[in-house]
């Protein structure tokens, strides 16, 4: 199952992405009316912050995956760190 832009890798819905989409749509709707630009900027900032938090979370998860893989005996590129002739 391939995740959609509003879903996580495991298929669960991402609340941050959903709220970011709602905030952006709200900013777009407000821009069509005679609304102060500060209010529109506030909604766009909220959307960008929510997307930024999601991106940081995904980068941390990727870093943990690579670290766990490297600690498990293989480096990130898939080669082992054991010396030649090692008999554990």
Protein backbone atom coordinates (compact mmCIF):
# COMPACT_ATOMS: atom_id res chain seq x y z
CA UNK A 1 0.00 0.00 0.00
CA UNK A 2 1.57 3.25 -1.12
CA UNK A 3 0.87 6.16 1.24
CA UNK A 4 -0.89 9.25 -0.03
CA UNK A 5 0.37 12.78 0.75
CA UNK A 6 -1.92 12.83 3.79
CA UNK A 7 -0.78 9.45 5.15
CA UNK A 8 2.28 8.18 6.96
CA UNK A 9 4.43 5.31 5.69
CA UNK A 10 2.42 2.81 7.76
CA UNK A 11 -0.89 4.00 6.26
CA UNK A 12 -2.09 6.03 9.27
CA UNK A 13 -3.54 9.46 8.58
CA UNK A 14 -1.19 12.33 9.38
CA UNK A 15 -2.96 14.91 11.51
CA UNK A 16 -0.23 17.49 10.88
CA UNK A 17 -0.51 17.17 7.11
CA UNK A 18 -4.31 17.31 7.26
CA UNK A 19 -4.27 20.42 9.46
CA UNK A 20 -1.63 22.02 7.21
CA UNK A 21 -3.88 21.44 4.20
CA UNK A 22 -6.88 22.92 6.03
CA UNK A 23 -4.83 25.95 7.12
CA UNK A 24 -3.61 26.53 3.57
CA UNK A 25 -7.12 26.19 2.13
CA UNK A 26 -8.39 28.63 4.76
CA UNK A 27 -5.67 31.13 3.80
CA UNK A 28 -6.61 30.73 0.14
CA UNK A 29 -10.29 31.28 0.88
CA UNK A 30 -9.53 34.36 2.98
CA UNK A 31 -7.37 35.81 0.21
CA UNK A 32 -10.40 36.01 -2.08
CA UNK A 33 -12.18 38.24 0.41
CA UNK A 34 -11.12 41.62 1.67
CA UNK A 35 -9.17 40.23 4.60
CA UNK A 36 -6.11 41.75 6.21
CA UNK A 37 -2.85 40.32 4.88
CA UNK A 38 -1.71 39.68 8.48
CA UNK A 39 -4.53 37.16 8.97
CA UNK A 40 -3.70 35.41 5.70
CA UNK A 41 0.02 35.35 6.63
CA UNK A 42 -0.90 33.82 10.01
CA UNK A 43 -2.74 30.92 8.34
CA UNK A 44 0.07 30.37 5.83
CA UNK A 45 2.63 30.41 8.67
CA UNK A 46 0.55 27.81 10.54
CA UNK A 47 0.52 25.58 7.46
CA UNK A 48 4.29 25.93 6.97
CA UNK A 49 5.00 25.19 10.64
CA UNK A 50 2.87 22.04 10.53
CA UNK A 51 4.58 20.86 7.33
CA UNK A 52 7.98 21.67 8.84
CA UNK A 53 7.24 19.58 11.93
CA UNK A 54 6.21 16.67 9.73
CA UNK A 55 9.41 16.97 7.69
CA UNK A 56 11.58 17.08 10.83
CA UNK A 57 9.81 13.99 12.17
CA UNK A 58 10.46 12.08 8.93
CA UNK A 59 14.14 13.11 8.87
CA UNK A 60 14.57 11.94 12.48
CA UNK A 61 12.93 8.61 11.65
CA UNK A 62 15.24 8.17 8.65
CA UNK A 63 18.30 9.00 10.79
CA UNK A 64 17.22 6.48 13.44
CA UNK A 65 16.77 3.83 10.77
CA UNK A 66 20.27 4.42 9.38
CA UNK A 67 21.80 4.51 12.87
CA UNK A 68 20.09 1.27 13.87
CA UNK A 69 21.27 -0.35 10.64
CA UNK A 70 24.85 0.82 11.22
CA UNK A 71 24.89 -0.31 14.86
CA UNK A 72 23.54 -3.70 13.83
CA UNK A 73 26.85 -4.55 12.18
CA UNK A 74 26.50 -3.04 8.74
CA UNK A 75 27.37 0.49 7.74
CA UNK A 76 24.97 2.69 5.83
CA UNK A 77 26.38 1.49 2.52
CA UNK A 78 25.82 -2.16 3.50
CA UNK A 79 29.41 -3.23 4.26
CA UNK A 80 30.28 -4.84 7.58
CA UNK A 81 32.65 -3.27 10.07
CA UNK A 82 34.16 -6.58 11.25
CA UNK A 83 37.88 -7.08 10.71
CA UNK A 84 39.00 -9.76 8.30
CA UNK A 85 39.42 -13.14 10.01
CA UNK A 86 37.20 -12.25 12.98
CA UNK A 87 35.75 -15.38 14.57
CA UNK A 88 33.19 -14.23 17.13
